[in-house]
Amino acid sequence: QVQLVESGGGLVQAGGSLRLSCAASGRTFSSYAMGWFRQAPGKEREFAAAISWSGGSTYYADSVKGRFTISRDNAKNTVYLQMNSLKPEDTAVYYCAAAPKYSGRAYHDQGRYNYWGQGTQVTVSS
């Protein structure tokens, strides 16, 4: 069982930056791949970024590539999402999720992820 708690959301002007954190409970954090997903008002939840269990591989949606950076600190049981050059269209609730180390599903596939946090709101004003 893994419990995930996101933090770091807030209100920021376009062009600004935020860093989201996701703290995981349990001793097996390093056994999980981690992902960030987001859901804008009136839209379906979508993939933003993911990182392998070791941190050696990262994956990004085209819409955030070059602006967002995902990282993890297995010693602190925490995954981060550094968001730069934010745009109003980045406004969404951001969710952290944990997936098994190995899976036949792609990192962007929500079905891969077993555990989800409650989400943190990010609002980007124009």
C-alpha atoms as a PDB file:
ATOM      1  CA  GLN A   1       0.000   0.000   0.000  1.00  0.00           C
ATOM      2  CA  VAL A   2       1.279   3.439  -0.928  1.00  0.00           C
ATOM      3  CA  GLN A   3      -0.193   6.743   0.157  1.00  0.00           C
ATOM      4  CA  LEU A   4       0.626   9.841  -1.839  1.00  0.00           C
ATOM      5  CA  VAL A   5       0.307  13.461  -0.754  1.00  0.00           C
ATOM      6  CA  GLU A   6       0.891  16.305  -3.190  1.00  0.00           C
ATOM      7  CA  SER A   7       1.900  19.838  -2.266  1.00  0.00           C
ATOM      8  CA  GLY A   8       3.255  22.979  -3.866  1.00  0.00           C
ATOM      9  CA  GLY A   9       0.315  24.061  -5.965  1.00  0.00           C
ATOM     10  CA  GLY A  10      -0.925  27.624  -6.046  1.00  0.00           C
ATOM     11  CA  LEU A  11      -1.595  30.702  -8.122  1.00  0.00           C
ATOM     12  CA  VAL A  12       1.138  32.007 -10.413  1.00  0.00           C
ATOM     13  CA  GLN A  13       1.333  34.448 -13.294  1.00  0.00           C
ATOM     14  CA  ALA A  14       2.015  33.268 -16.812  1.00  0.00           C
ATOM     15  CA  GLY A  15       5.732  32.780 -17.320  1.00  0.00           C
ATOM     16  CA  GLY A  16       6.272  31.916 -13.685  1.00  0.00           C
ATOM     17  CA  SER A  17       7.395  28.704 -12.005  1.00  0.00           C
ATOM     18  CA  LEU A  18       6.147  26.268  -9.416  1.00  0.00           C
ATOM     19  CA  ARG A  19       7.564  23.072  -7.961  1.00  0.00           C
ATOM     20  CA  LEU A  20       5.168  20.340  -6.992  1.00  0.00           C
ATOM     21  CA  SER A  21       6.134  17.659  -4.502  1.00  0.00           C
ATOM     22  CA  CYS A  22       4.596  14.275  -3.868  1.00  0.00           C
ATOM     23  CA  ALA A  23       5.493  12.527  -0.643  1.00  0.00           C
ATOM     24  CA  ALA A  24       4.937   8.777  -0.518  1.00  0.00           C
ATOM     25  CA  SER A  25       4.476   6.587   2.516  1.00  0.00           C
ATOM     26  CA  GLY A  26       5.902   3.120   2.818  1.00  0.00           C
ATOM     27  CA  ARG A  27       9.330   1.567   2.539  1.00  0.00           C
ATOM     28  CA  THR A  28       9.069   0.470  -1.062  1.00  0.00           C
ATOM     29  CA  PHE A  29       8.938   3.815  -2.840  1.00  0.00           C
ATOM     30  CA  SER A  30      11.933   2.916  -4.979  1.00  0.00           C
ATOM     31  CA  SER A  31       9.977  -0.062  -6.346  1.00  0.00           C
ATOM     32  CA  TYR A  32       7.508   2.216  -8.084  1.00  0.00           C
ATOM     33  CA  ALA A  33       7.546   4.240 -11.236  1.00  0.00           C
ATOM     34  CA  MET A  34       5.938   7.615 -10.606  1.00  0.00           C
ATOM     35  CA  GLY A  35       3.816   9.855 -12.751  1.00  0.00           C
ATOM     36  CA  TRP A  36       2.186  13.254 -12.759  1.00  0.00           C
ATOM     37  CA  PHE A  37      -1.187  13.688 -14.394  1.00  0.00           C
ATOM     38  CA  ARG A  38      -3.418  16.732 -14.611  1.00  0.00           C
ATOM     39  CA  GLN A  39      -7.072  17.508 -15.089  1.00  0.00           C
ATOM     40  CA  ALA A  40      -8.263  20.869 -16.313  1.00  0.00           C
ATOM     41  CA  PRO A  41     -11.841  22.044 -15.724  1.00  0.00           C
ATOM     42  CA  GLY A  42     -14.237  20.269 -18.045  1.00  0.00           C
ATOM     43  CA  LYS A  43     -11.534  18.019 -19.462  1.00  0.00           C
ATOM     44  CA  GLU A  44     -10.360  14.484 -18.921  1.00  0.00           C
ATOM     45  CA  ARG A  45      -7.320  13.738 -16.846  1.00  0.00           C
ATOM     46  CA  GLU A  46      -4.180  13.620 -18.975  1.00  0.00           C
ATOM     47  CA  PHE A  47      -0.578  12.524 -18.666  1.00  0.00           C
ATOM     48  CA  ALA A  48       2.049  15.156 -17.919  1.00  0.00           C
ATOM     49  CA  ALA A  49       5.273  13.389 -16.923  1.00  0.00           C
ATOM     50  CA  ALA A  50       6.651  10.133 -15.544  1.00  0.00           C
ATOM     51  CA  ILE A  51       9.879   8.767 -14.143  1.00  0.00           C
ATOM     52  CA  SER A  52      11.176   5.222 -13.834  1.00  0.00           C
ATOM     53  CA  TRP A  53      11.769   3.571 -10.466  1.00  0.00           C
ATOM     54  CA  SER A  54      15.494   4.383 -10.600  1.00  0.00           C
ATOM     55  CA  GLY A  55      15.074   7.870 -11.993  1.00  0.00           C
ATOM     56  CA  GLY A  56      17.107   6.878 -15.003  1.00  0.00           C
ATOM     57  CA  SER A  57      14.319   7.428 -17.511  1.00  0.00           C
ATOM     58  CA  THR A  58      11.843  10.268 -17.814  1.00  0.00           C
ATOM     59  CA  TYR A  59       8.862  10.797 -20.078  1.00  0.00           C
ATOM     60  CA  TYR A  60       6.881  13.906 -20.948  1.00  0.00           C
ATOM     61  CA  ALA A  61       3.749  14.911 -22.760  1.00  0.00           C
ATOM     62  CA  ASP A  62       4.495  17.053 -25.792  1.00  0.00           C
ATOM     63  CA  SER A  63       2.581  19.928 -24.207  1.00  0.00           C
ATOM     64  CA  VAL A  64       5.042  20.194 -21.295  1.00  0.00           C
ATOM     65  CA  LYS A  65       8.286  18.996 -22.844  1.00  0.00           C
ATOM     66  CA  GLY A  66      11.066  21.521 -22.392  1.00  0.00           C
ATOM     67  CA  ARG A  67       9.188  23.363 -19.638  1.00  0.00           C
ATOM     68  CA  PHE A  68       8.552  20.706 -16.969  1.00  0.00           C
ATOM     69  CA  THR A  69      11.099  18.469 -15.264  1.00  0.00           C
ATOM     70  CA  ILE A  70      10.257  15.406 -13.212  1.00  0.00           C
ATOM     71  CA  SER A  71      12.711  14.070 -10.650  1.00  0.00           C
ATOM     72  CA  ARG A  72      12.738  11.851  -7.613  1.00  0.00           C
ATOM     73  CA  ASP A  73      14.632  11.395  -4.377  1.00  0.00           C
ATOM     74  CA  ASN A  74      14.240   7.804  -3.245  1.00  0.00           C
ATOM     75  CA  ALA A  75      15.923   8.546   0.072  1.00  0.00           C
ATOM     76  CA  LYS A  76      13.162  11.044   0.828  1.00  0.00           C
ATOM     77  CA  ASN A  77      10.330   9.036  -0.765  1.00  0.00           C
ATOM     78  CA  THR A  78       9.467  12.081  -2.837  1.00  0.00           C
ATOM     79  CA  VAL A  79       8.887  12.872  -6.482  1.00  0.00           C
ATOM     80  CA  TYR A  80       8.969  16.417  -7.848  1.00  0.00           C
ATOM     81  CA  LEU A  81       7.613  18.284 -10.814  1.00  0.00           C
ATOM     82  CA  GLN A  82       9.430  21.509 -11.618  1.00  0.00           C
ATOM     83  CA  MET A  83       7.216  23.623 -13.836  1.00  0.00           C
ATOM     84  CA  ASN A  84       8.718  26.602 -15.643  1.00  0.00           C
ATOM     85  CA  SER A  85       7.373  29.027 -18.232  1.00  0.00           C
ATOM     86  CA  LEU A  86       3.851  28.280 -17.070  1.00  0.00           C
ATOM     87  CA  LYS A  87       0.943  29.058 -19.345  1.00  0.00           C
ATOM     88  CA  PRO A  88      -2.748  29.608 -18.559  1.00  0.00           C
ATOM     89  CA  GLU A  89      -3.472  26.295 -20.271  1.00  0.00           C
ATOM     90  CA  ASP A  90      -1.410  24.555 -17.574  1.00  0.00           C
ATOM     91  CA  THR A  91      -4.165  25.404 -15.090  1.00  0.00           C
ATOM     92  CA  ALA A  92      -5.392  22.108 -13.658  1.00  0.00           C
ATOM     93  CA  VAL A  93      -5.478  19.849 -10.655  1.00  0.00           C
ATOM     94  CA  TYR A  94      -2.214  17.927 -10.667  1.00  0.00           C
ATOM     95  CA  TYR A  95      -2.166  14.348  -9.434  1.00  0.00           C
ATOM     96  CA  CYS A  96       0.745  12.197  -8.410  1.00  0.00           C
ATOM     97  CA  ALA A  97       0.491   8.459  -9.109  1.00  0.00           C
ATOM     98  CA  ALA A  98       2.535   5.311  -8.439  1.00  0.00           C
ATOM     99  CA  ALA A  99       2.866   2.330 -10.746  1.00  0.00           C
ATOM    100  CA  PRO A 100       4.579  -1.050 -10.474  1.00  0.00           C
ATOM    101  CA  LYS A 101       8.245  -1.082 -11.375  1.00  0.00           C
ATOM    102  CA  TYR A 102       7.617  -3.287 -14.379  1.00  0.00           C
ATOM    103  CA  SER A 103       4.484  -3.262 -16.480  1.00  0.00           C
ATOM    104  CA  GLY A 104       3.290  -4.024 -19.954  1.00  0.00           C
ATOM    105  CA  ARG A 105       1.573  -0.648 -20.026  1.00  0.00           C
ATOM    106  CA  ALA A 106       3.169   2.572 -21.148  1.00  0.00           C
ATOM    107  CA  TYR A 107       4.121   5.286 -18.703  1.00  0.00           C
ATOM    108  CA  HIS A 108       1.453   7.621 -20.070  1.00  0.00           C
ATOM    109  CA  ASP A 109      -1.271   5.001 -19.575  1.00  0.00           C
ATOM    110  CA  GLN A 110      -3.325   5.873 -16.492  1.00  0.00           C
ATOM    111  CA  GLY A 111      -4.272   2.220 -16.161  1.00  0.00           C
ATOM    112  CA  ARG A 112      -0.677   1.423 -15.239  1.00  0.00           C
ATOM    113  CA  TYR A 113      -0.948   3.340 -11.974  1.00  0.00           C
ATOM    114  CA  ASN A 114      -2.293   1.683  -8.823  1.00  0.00           C
ATOM    115  CA  TYR A 115      -2.114   4.551  -6.370  1.00  0.00           C
ATOM    116  CA  TRP A 116      -3.188   8.158  -6.675  1.00  0.00           C
ATOM    117  CA  GLY A 117      -2.905  11.252  -4.554  1.00  0.00           C
ATOM    118  CA  GLN A 118      -5.717  13.703  -3.870  1.00  0.00           C
ATOM    119  CA  GLY A 119      -4.326  16.347  -6.175  1.00  0.00           C
ATOM    120  CA  THR A 120      -3.082  19.907  -5.853  1.00  0.00           C
ATOM    121  CA  GLN A 121      -4.509  22.893  -7.703  1.00  0.00           C
ATOM    122  CA  VAL A 122      -2.302  24.899 -10.047  1.00  0.00           C
ATOM    123  CA  THR A 123      -3.748  28.109 -11.451  1.00  0.00           C
ATOM    124  CA  VAL A 124      -1.873  30.199 -13.999  1.00  0.00           C
ATOM    125  CA  SER A 125      -3.190  33.685 -14.606  1.00  0.00           C
ATOM    126  CA  SER A 126      -2.665  35.542 -17.866  1.00  0.00           C
END
